[in-house]
């Protein structure tokens, strides 16, 4: 039996319509899982759901605001109605504000923390009931390698929010192990996504962001998705509260 297969898994992927989220959605579907693409981009979300369905997969799109509690309830209900109890949650949605500390506003702070931290908290909170009904599950929180060290200027709010996700993952793992729910974090390095596509056009930004990355190149969403699919699968059954860096050796130095 191939434990990396995801047959019988029902996964909610936040920010699942584009970038890394879309890569997660596609790979989980390819490996047999049912996918709930949760995003605010209706056009991209519906298009991706149709793409997956046309290839023989099972997918729906749900308009979802990760920082809104009722939105979580509605999304989980839609997932239950379409596919049954959810046993995989990928807290992937994330935002960044690129500003020095002295120029960042309180509104910037809440914007970043509402999505990156509050969104992850609400997902973990509201997914419990359906995962308990499923007999357990796997939660994968997307943090960042910038949670481990200061790698470049002007990312204070983003880095702080991802550090919060990192420690929240570990403490949530303590709370949820009694329900046979595993909670792990993935820490991508510099990855080419829709979130940073404008910044990636600047060679100086890329040079600074790569820093001392051992592989000396950005990563691709599909490379992060492989780690996500592994943690979602039964192949990672003895892992909880863990950190997996997918960063080309960014945090090795």
C-alpha atoms as a PDB file:
ATOM      1  CA  UNK A   1       0.000   0.000   0.000  1.00  0.00           C
ATOM      2  CA  UNK A   2       1.360   3.408  -1.009  1.00  0.00           C
ATOM      3  CA  UNK A   3       0.926   5.589   2.065  1.00  0.00           C
ATOM      4  CA  UNK A   4       1.647   8.751   0.069  1.00  0.00           C
ATOM      5  CA  UNK A   5      -1.664   8.309  -1.745  1.00  0.00           C
ATOM      6  CA  UNK A   6      -4.503  10.538  -0.543  1.00  0.00           C
ATOM      7  CA  UNK A   7      -7.505   8.411  -1.436  1.00  0.00           C
ATOM      8  CA  UNK A   8     -10.228   8.971   1.131  1.00  0.00           C
ATOM      9  CA  UNK A   9      -8.810  12.352   2.162  1.00  0.00           C
ATOM     10  CA  UNK A  10     -10.960  15.481   2.081  1.00  0.00           C
ATOM     11  CA  UNK A  11      -8.824  18.616   2.101  1.00  0.00           C
ATOM     12  CA  UNK A  12      -9.590  22.294   2.565  1.00  0.00           C
ATOM     13  CA  UNK A  13      -6.837  24.488   1.106  1.00  0.00           C
ATOM     14  CA  UNK A  14      -7.029  28.173   1.972  1.00  0.00           C
ATOM     15  CA  UNK A  15      -5.640  30.533  -0.616  1.00  0.00           C
ATOM     16  CA  UNK A  16      -6.022  27.493  -2.829  1.00  0.00           C
ATOM     17  CA  UNK A  17      -6.812  29.221  -6.120  1.00  0.00           C
ATOM     18  CA  UNK A  18      -3.398  30.560  -7.105  1.00  0.00           C
ATOM     19  CA  UNK A  19       0.323  30.257  -6.452  1.00  0.00           C
ATOM     20  CA  UNK A  20       1.378  27.700  -3.863  1.00  0.00           C
ATOM     21  CA  UNK A  21      -2.244  27.037  -2.946  1.00  0.00           C
ATOM     22  CA  UNK A  22      -3.096  26.014  -6.504  1.00  0.00           C
ATOM     23  CA  UNK A  23      -0.076  23.696  -6.564  1.00  0.00           C
ATOM     24  CA  UNK A  24      -1.295  22.087  -3.322  1.00  0.00           C
ATOM     25  CA  UNK A  25      -4.806  21.718  -4.731  1.00  0.00           C
ATOM     26  CA  UNK A  26      -3.609  20.072  -7.937  1.00  0.00           C
ATOM     27  CA  UNK A  27      -1.211  17.642  -6.265  1.00  0.00           C
ATOM     28  CA  UNK A  28      -3.638  16.557  -3.542  1.00  0.00           C
ATOM     29  CA  UNK A  29      -6.221  15.878  -6.248  1.00  0.00           C
ATOM     30  CA  UNK A  30      -3.708  13.984  -8.417  1.00  0.00           C
ATOM     31  CA  UNK A  31      -2.961  11.731  -5.453  1.00  0.00           C
ATOM     32  CA  UNK A  32      -6.617  10.874  -4.910  1.00  0.00           C
ATOM     33  CA  UNK A  33      -7.896  13.468  -2.453  1.00  0.00           C
ATOM     34  CA  UNK A  34     -11.067  15.543  -2.687  1.00  0.00           C
ATOM     35  CA  UNK A  35     -10.229  19.238  -2.728  1.00  0.00           C
ATOM     36  CA  UNK A  36     -12.078  22.262  -1.358  1.00  0.00           C
ATOM     37  CA  UNK A  37     -10.451  25.343  -2.870  1.00  0.00           C
ATOM     38  CA  UNK A  38     -11.082  28.157  -0.381  1.00  0.00           C
ATOM     39  CA  UNK A  39     -10.174  31.621  -1.630  1.00  0.00           C
ATOM     40  CA  UNK A  40     -11.432  35.157  -2.292  1.00  0.00           C
ATOM     41  CA  UNK A  41     -10.509  35.017  -5.986  1.00  0.00           C
ATOM     42  CA  UNK A  42     -13.720  33.646  -7.471  1.00  0.00           C
ATOM     43  CA  UNK A  43     -12.534  33.623 -11.080  1.00  0.00           C
ATOM     44  CA  UNK A  44      -9.302  31.713 -10.386  1.00  0.00           C
ATOM     45  CA  UNK A  45     -11.000  29.425  -7.880  1.00  0.00           C
ATOM     46  CA  UNK A  46     -13.842  28.379 -10.172  1.00  0.00           C
ATOM     47  CA  UNK A  47     -11.390  27.911 -13.052  1.00  0.00           C
ATOM     48  CA  UNK A  48      -9.120  25.656 -10.995  1.00  0.00           C
ATOM     49  CA  UNK A  49     -12.038  23.609  -9.641  1.00  0.00           C
ATOM     50  CA  UNK A  50     -13.251  23.057 -13.213  1.00  0.00           C
ATOM     51  CA  UNK A  51      -9.734  22.109 -14.343  1.00  0.00           C
ATOM     52  CA  UNK A  52      -9.415  19.490 -11.607  1.00  0.00           C
ATOM     53  CA  UNK A  53     -12.912  18.128 -12.218  1.00  0.00           C
ATOM     54  CA  UNK A  54     -12.340  17.903 -15.974  1.00  0.00           C
ATOM     55  CA  UNK A  55      -9.263  15.761 -15.286  1.00  0.00           C
ATOM     56  CA  UNK A  56     -11.342  13.324 -13.265  1.00  0.00           C
ATOM     57  CA  UNK A  57     -10.639  14.759  -9.827  1.00  0.00           C
ATOM     58  CA  UNK A  58     -13.062  15.910  -7.155  1.00  0.00           C
ATOM     59  CA  UNK A  59     -13.020  19.613  -6.362  1.00  0.00           C
ATOM     60  CA  UNK A  60     -15.261  22.518  -5.427  1.00  0.00           C
ATOM     61  CA  UNK A  61     -14.544  26.194  -4.983  1.00  0.00           C
ATOM     62  CA  UNK A  62     -15.832  28.156  -1.977  1.00  0.00           C
ATOM     63  CA  UNK A  63     -15.463  31.909  -1.493  1.00  0.00           C
ATOM     64  CA  UNK A  64     -13.688  32.114   1.842  1.00  0.00           C
ATOM     65  CA  UNK A  65     -12.320  34.854   4.085  1.00  0.00           C
ATOM     66  CA  UNK A  66      -9.881  33.221   6.512  1.00  0.00           C
ATOM     67  CA  UNK A  67     -10.164  36.029   9.061  1.00  0.00           C
ATOM     68  CA  UNK A  68     -13.955  35.694   9.336  1.00  0.00           C
ATOM     69  CA  UNK A  69     -15.365  33.114  11.734  1.00  0.00           C
ATOM     70  CA  UNK A  70     -18.664  32.649   9.900  1.00  0.00           C
ATOM     71  CA  UNK A  71     -16.799  32.122   6.650  1.00  0.00           C
ATOM     72  CA  UNK A  72     -14.980  29.180   8.241  1.00  0.00           C
ATOM     73  CA  UNK A  73     -18.259  27.657   9.376  1.00  0.00           C
ATOM     74  CA  UNK A  74     -19.759  28.042   5.897  1.00  0.00           C
ATOM     75  CA  UNK A  75     -16.703  26.592   4.142  1.00  0.00           C
ATOM     76  CA  UNK A  76     -16.535  23.547   6.394  1.00  0.00           C
ATOM     77  CA  UNK A  77     -20.272  23.009   5.926  1.00  0.00           C
ATOM     78  CA  UNK A  78     -19.839  23.184   2.135  1.00  0.00           C
ATOM     79  CA  UNK A  79     -16.996  20.670   2.346  1.00  0.00           C
ATOM     80  CA  UNK A  80     -19.069  18.300   4.485  1.00  0.00           C
ATOM     81  CA  UNK A  81     -22.017  18.527   2.080  1.00  0.00           C
ATOM     82  CA  UNK A  82     -19.852  17.870  -0.957  1.00  0.00           C
ATOM     83  CA  UNK A  83     -17.441  15.219   0.282  1.00  0.00           C
ATOM     84  CA  UNK A  84     -18.121  14.294   3.927  1.00  0.00           C
ATOM     85  CA  UNK A  85     -15.967  14.969   6.964  1.00  0.00           C
ATOM     86  CA  UNK A  86     -12.746  16.903   6.406  1.00  0.00           C
ATOM     87  CA  UNK A  87      -9.515  15.179   7.460  1.00  0.00           C
ATOM     88  CA  UNK A  88      -6.927  17.516   5.904  1.00  0.00           C
ATOM     89  CA  UNK A  89      -6.590  21.275   6.384  1.00  0.00           C
ATOM     90  CA  UNK A  90      -3.906  23.293   4.614  1.00  0.00           C
ATOM     91  CA  UNK A  91      -3.688  26.771   6.164  1.00  0.00           C
ATOM     92  CA  UNK A  92      -1.948  28.288   3.161  1.00  0.00           C
ATOM     93  CA  UNK A  93      -3.497  31.760   2.750  1.00  0.00           C
ATOM     94  CA  UNK A  94      -1.008  34.511   3.484  1.00  0.00           C
ATOM     95  CA  UNK A  95      -0.237  38.160   2.860  1.00  0.00           C
ATOM     96  CA  UNK A  96       2.783  40.411   3.298  1.00  0.00           C
ATOM     97  CA  UNK A  97       3.448  44.106   3.731  1.00  0.00           C
ATOM     98  CA  UNK A  98       6.925  45.226   2.681  1.00  0.00           C
ATOM     99  CA  UNK A  99       7.700  48.294   4.799  1.00  0.00           C
ATOM    100  CA  UNK A 100      10.255  49.297   7.444  1.00  0.00           C
ATOM    101  CA  UNK A 101       8.920  49.199  11.000  1.00  0.00           C
ATOM    102  CA  UNK A 102       8.773  52.985  11.347  1.00  0.00           C
ATOM    103  CA  UNK A 103       6.618  53.320   8.216  1.00  0.00           C
ATOM    104  CA  UNK A 104       4.247  50.441   8.933  1.00  0.00           C
ATOM    105  CA  UNK A 105       0.815  51.418  10.243  1.00  0.00           C
ATOM    106  CA  UNK A 106      -1.512  49.781  12.710  1.00  0.00           C
ATOM    107  CA  UNK A 107      -3.723  48.967   9.728  1.00  0.00           C
ATOM    108  CA  UNK A 108      -0.757  47.165   8.100  1.00  0.00           C
ATOM    109  CA  UNK A 109      -0.254  45.190  11.304  1.00  0.00           C
ATOM    110  CA  UNK A 110      -3.851  44.041  11.473  1.00  0.00           C
ATOM    111  CA  UNK A 111      -3.944  43.252   7.748  1.00  0.00           C
ATOM    112  CA  UNK A 112      -0.989  40.865   8.025  1.00  0.00           C
ATOM    113  CA  UNK A 113      -1.884  39.314  11.380  1.00  0.00           C
ATOM    114  CA  UNK A 114      -5.593  38.919  10.573  1.00  0.00           C
ATOM    115  CA  UNK A 115      -4.799  36.712   7.588  1.00  0.00           C
ATOM    116  CA  UNK A 116      -1.596  34.957   8.623  1.00  0.00           C
ATOM    117  CA  UNK A 117      -2.250  34.380  12.323  1.00  0.00           C
ATOM    118  CA  UNK A 118      -5.952  34.846  13.007  1.00  0.00           C
ATOM    119  CA  UNK A 119      -6.797  32.897   9.845  1.00  0.00           C
ATOM    120  CA  UNK A 120      -4.624  29.971  10.932  1.00  0.00           C
ATOM    121  CA  UNK A 121      -6.106  30.038  14.434  1.00  0.00           C
ATOM    122  CA  UNK A 122      -9.700  30.074  13.177  1.00  0.00           C
ATOM    123  CA  UNK A 123      -8.999  27.229  10.780  1.00  0.00           C
ATOM    124  CA  UNK A 124      -7.526  25.048  13.496  1.00  0.00           C
ATOM    125  CA  UNK A 125     -10.340  25.975  15.872  1.00  0.00           C
ATOM    126  CA  UNK A 126     -13.267  25.238  13.590  1.00  0.00           C
ATOM    127  CA  UNK A 127     -11.857  22.188  11.837  1.00  0.00           C
ATOM    128  CA  UNK A 128     -11.802  20.186  15.088  1.00  0.00           C
ATOM    129  CA  UNK A 129     -15.404  18.973  15.030  1.00  0.00           C
ATOM    130  CA  UNK A 130     -15.321  17.565  11.494  1.00  0.00           C
ATOM    131  CA  UNK A 131     -11.874  16.006  11.998  1.00  0.00           C
ATOM    132  CA  UNK A 132     -13.054  14.328  15.195  1.00  0.00           C
ATOM    133  CA  UNK A 133     -15.968  12.882  13.232  1.00  0.00           C
ATOM    134  CA  UNK A 134     -13.492  11.667  10.618  1.00  0.00           C
ATOM    135  CA  UNK A 135     -11.503   9.865  13.312  1.00  0.00           C
ATOM    136  CA  UNK A 136      -8.507  12.197  13.043  1.00  0.00           C
ATOM    137  CA  UNK A 137      -6.658  14.174  10.450  1.00  0.00           C
ATOM    138  CA  UNK A 138      -3.725  16.319   9.456  1.00  0.00           C
ATOM    139  CA  UNK A 139      -3.370  20.094   9.666  1.00  0.00           C
ATOM    140  CA  UNK A 140      -0.556  21.678   7.680  1.00  0.00           C
ATOM    141  CA  UNK A 141       0.245  25.304   8.474  1.00  0.00           C
ATOM    142  CA  UNK A 142       2.312  27.240   5.964  1.00  0.00           C
ATOM    143  CA  UNK A 143       4.760  29.379   7.912  1.00  0.00           C
ATOM    144  CA  UNK A 144       8.002  30.702   6.406  1.00  0.00           C
ATOM    145  CA  UNK A 145      11.738  30.302   6.796  1.00  0.00           C
ATOM    146  CA  UNK A 146      11.737  34.007   7.650  1.00  0.00           C
ATOM    147  CA  UNK A 147      10.249  32.935  10.997  1.00  0.00           C
ATOM    148  CA  UNK A 148      13.681  31.560  11.933  1.00  0.00           C
ATOM    149  CA  UNK A 149      15.952  34.552  11.297  1.00  0.00           C
ATOM    150  CA  UNK A 150      16.025  38.102  10.023  1.00  0.00           C
ATOM    151  CA  UNK A 151      16.856  37.612   6.376  1.00  0.00           C
ATOM    152  CA  UNK A 152      16.037  40.935   4.772  1.00  0.00           C
ATOM    153  CA  UNK A 153      14.755  44.389   5.744  1.00  0.00           C
ATOM    154  CA  UNK A 154      11.150  45.600   5.575  1.00  0.00           C
ATOM    155  CA  UNK A 155       9.541  42.233   6.382  1.00  0.00           C
ATOM    156  CA  UNK A 156       9.098  42.701  10.128  1.00  0.00           C
ATOM    157  CA  UNK A 157       5.319  42.198  10.199  1.00  0.00           C
ATOM    158  CA  UNK A 158       5.365  39.214   7.855  1.00  0.00           C
ATOM    159  CA  UNK A 159       8.249  37.521   9.674  1.00  0.00           C
ATOM    160  CA  UNK A 160       6.649  38.104  13.076  1.00  0.00           C
ATOM    161  CA  UNK A 161       3.327  36.690  11.887  1.00  0.00           C
ATOM    162  CA  UNK A 162       5.001  33.580  10.511  1.00  0.00           C
ATOM    163  CA  UNK A 163       6.957  33.108  13.747  1.00  0.00           C
ATOM    164  CA  UNK A 164       3.596  33.181  15.520  1.00  0.00           C
ATOM    165  CA  UNK A 165       2.298  30.474  13.165  1.00  0.00           C
ATOM    166  CA  UNK A 166       5.397  28.389  13.911  1.00  0.00           C
ATOM    167  CA  UNK A 167       4.906  28.284  17.688  1.00  0.00           C
ATOM    168  CA  UNK A 168       1.108  28.104  17.365  1.00  0.00           C
ATOM    169  CA  UNK A 169       1.574  24.927  15.313  1.00  0.00           C
ATOM    170  CA  UNK A 170       3.594  23.282  18.066  1.00  0.00           C
ATOM    171  CA  UNK A 171       1.156  24.170  20.847  1.00  0.00           C
ATOM    172  CA  UNK A 172      -1.833  23.175  18.711  1.00  0.00           C
ATOM    173  CA  UNK A 173      -0.139  19.801  18.177  1.00  0.00           C
ATOM    174  CA  UNK A 174      -0.136  19.353  21.958  1.00  0.00           C
ATOM    175  CA  UNK A 175      -3.846  20.152  22.191  1.00  0.00           C
ATOM    176  CA  UNK A 176      -4.960  17.984  19.269  1.00  0.00           C
ATOM    177  CA  UNK A 177      -2.902  14.810  19.586  1.00  0.00           C
ATOM    178  CA  UNK A 178      -5.622  13.377  21.865  1.00  0.00           C
ATOM    179  CA  UNK A 179      -8.004  13.522  18.886  1.00  0.00           C
ATOM    180  CA  UNK A 180      -5.559  11.754  16.534  1.00  0.00           C
ATOM    181  CA  UNK A 181      -5.007  15.036  14.689  1.00  0.00           C
ATOM    182  CA  UNK A 182      -1.473  15.887  13.624  1.00  0.00           C
ATOM    183  CA  UNK A 183      -0.412  19.536  13.264  1.00  0.00           C
ATOM    184  CA  UNK A 184       2.785  20.389  11.397  1.00  0.00           C
ATOM    185  CA  UNK A 185       4.344  23.436   9.769  1.00  0.00           C
ATOM    186  CA  UNK A 186       6.133  23.962   6.480  1.00  0.00           C
ATOM    187  CA  UNK A 187       8.616  26.801   6.125  1.00  0.00           C
ATOM    188  CA  UNK A 188       9.163  27.811   2.498  1.00  0.00           C
ATOM    189  CA  UNK A 189      12.054  30.028   1.529  1.00  0.00           C
ATOM    190  CA  UNK A 190      11.918  32.319  -1.486  1.00  0.00           C
ATOM    191  CA  UNK A 191       9.305  30.764  -3.771  1.00  0.00           C
ATOM    192  CA  UNK A 192       8.003  32.218  -7.030  1.00  0.00           C
ATOM    193  CA  UNK A 193       4.310  32.900  -6.361  1.00  0.00           C
ATOM    194  CA  UNK A 194       1.597  35.394  -7.225  1.00  0.00           C
ATOM    195  CA  UNK A 195       2.224  37.018  -3.823  1.00  0.00           C
ATOM    196  CA  UNK A 196       5.712  38.183  -4.791  1.00  0.00           C
ATOM    197  CA  UNK A 197       5.603  38.209  -8.596  1.00  0.00           C
ATOM    198  CA  UNK A 198       6.130  41.972  -8.833  1.00  0.00           C
ATOM    199  CA  UNK A 199       9.038  41.920  -6.378  1.00  0.00           C
ATOM    200  CA  UNK A 200      10.609  38.991  -8.225  1.00  0.00           C
ATOM    201  CA  UNK A 201      11.026  41.216 -11.288  1.00  0.00           C
ATOM    202  CA  UNK A 202      13.649  43.196  -9.367  1.00  0.00           C
ATOM    203  CA  UNK A 203      17.079  41.469  -9.567  1.00  0.00           C
ATOM    204  CA  UNK A 204      18.262  43.273  -6.438  1.00  0.00           C
ATOM    205  CA  UNK A 205      15.285  41.982  -4.449  1.00  0.00           C
ATOM    206  CA  UNK A 206      15.945  38.423  -5.621  1.00  0.00           C
ATOM    207  CA  UNK A 207      19.618  38.704  -4.719  1.00  0.00           C
ATOM    208  CA  UNK A 208      18.824  40.052  -1.247  1.00  0.00           C
ATOM    209  CA  UNK A 209      15.998  37.585  -0.642  1.00  0.00           C
ATOM    210  CA  UNK A 210      18.106  34.592  -1.647  1.00  0.00           C
ATOM    211  CA  UNK A 211      20.879  35.700   0.706  1.00  0.00           C
ATOM    212  CA  UNK A 212      23.015  32.651   1.434  1.00  0.00           C
ATOM    213  CA  UNK A 213      20.520  30.095   0.091  1.00  0.00           C
ATOM    214  CA  UNK A 214      22.709  27.086  -0.653  1.00  0.00           C
ATOM    215  CA  UNK A 215      20.940  26.195  -3.896  1.00  0.00           C
ATOM    216  CA  UNK A 216      21.173  29.813  -5.104  1.00  0.00           C
ATOM    217  CA  UNK A 217      17.754  29.866  -6.767  1.00  0.00           C
ATOM    218  CA  UNK A 218      14.142  30.491  -5.855  1.00  0.00           C
ATOM    219  CA  UNK A 219      11.879  27.526  -5.264  1.00  0.00           C
ATOM    220  CA  UNK A 220       8.716  26.598  -7.140  1.00  0.00           C
ATOM    221  CA  UNK A 221       5.217  26.060  -5.725  1.00  0.00           C
ATOM    222  CA  UNK A 222       5.257  22.428  -6.859  1.00  0.00           C
ATOM    223  CA  UNK A 223       8.307  21.755  -4.665  1.00  0.00           C
ATOM    224  CA  UNK A 224       6.474  23.029  -1.587  1.00  0.00           C
ATOM    225  CA  UNK A 225       3.373  21.061  -2.582  1.00  0.00           C
ATOM    226  CA  UNK A 226       5.332  17.806  -2.370  1.00  0.00           C
ATOM    227  CA  UNK A 227       6.029  18.463   1.312  1.00  0.00           C
ATOM    228  CA  UNK A 228       2.405  19.473   1.900  1.00  0.00           C
ATOM    229  CA  UNK A 229       1.105  16.275   0.301  1.00  0.00           C
ATOM    230  CA  UNK A 230       3.517  14.206   2.383  1.00  0.00           C
ATOM    231  CA  UNK A 231       2.287  15.753   5.641  1.00  0.00           C
ATOM    232  CA  UNK A 232      -1.324  15.322   4.517  1.00  0.00           C
ATOM    233  CA  UNK A 233      -0.737  11.629   3.877  1.00  0.00           C
ATOM    234  CA  UNK A 234      -0.454   8.627   6.175  1.00  0.00           C
ATOM    235  CA  UNK A 235       3.235   8.401   5.251  1.00  0.00           C
ATOM    236  CA  UNK A 236       3.851  11.083   7.895  1.00  0.00           C
ATOM    237  CA  UNK A 237       1.798   9.313  10.580  1.00  0.00           C
ATOM    238  CA  UNK A 238       4.480   9.690  13.288  1.00  0.00           C
ATOM    239  CA  UNK A 239       4.973  13.433  12.768  1.00  0.00           C
ATOM    240  CA  UNK A 240       3.292  16.201  14.728  1.00  0.00           C
ATOM    241  CA  UNK A 241       4.509  19.579  15.926  1.00  0.00           C
ATOM    242  CA  UNK A 242       7.291  19.364  13.349  1.00  0.00           C
ATOM    243  CA  UNK A 243       8.944  21.994  11.153  1.00  0.00           C
ATOM    244  CA  UNK A 244       9.885  21.217   7.563  1.00  0.00           C
ATOM    245  CA  UNK A 245      12.010  23.800   5.763  1.00  0.00           C
ATOM    246  CA  UNK A 246      11.559  23.841   2.002  1.00  0.00           C
ATOM    247  CA  UNK A 247      14.005  26.651   1.398  1.00  0.00           C
ATOM    248  CA  UNK A 248      16.967  25.431  -0.644  1.00  0.00           C
ATOM    249  CA  UNK A 249      19.163  25.587   2.452  1.00  0.00           C
ATOM    250  CA  UNK A 250      18.232  29.181   3.347  1.00  0.00           C
ATOM    251  CA  UNK A 251      18.129  28.445   7.086  1.00  0.00           C
ATOM    252  CA  UNK A 252      21.126  26.090   7.025  1.00  0.00           C
ATOM    253  CA  UNK A 253      23.559  28.994   7.346  1.00  0.00           C
END
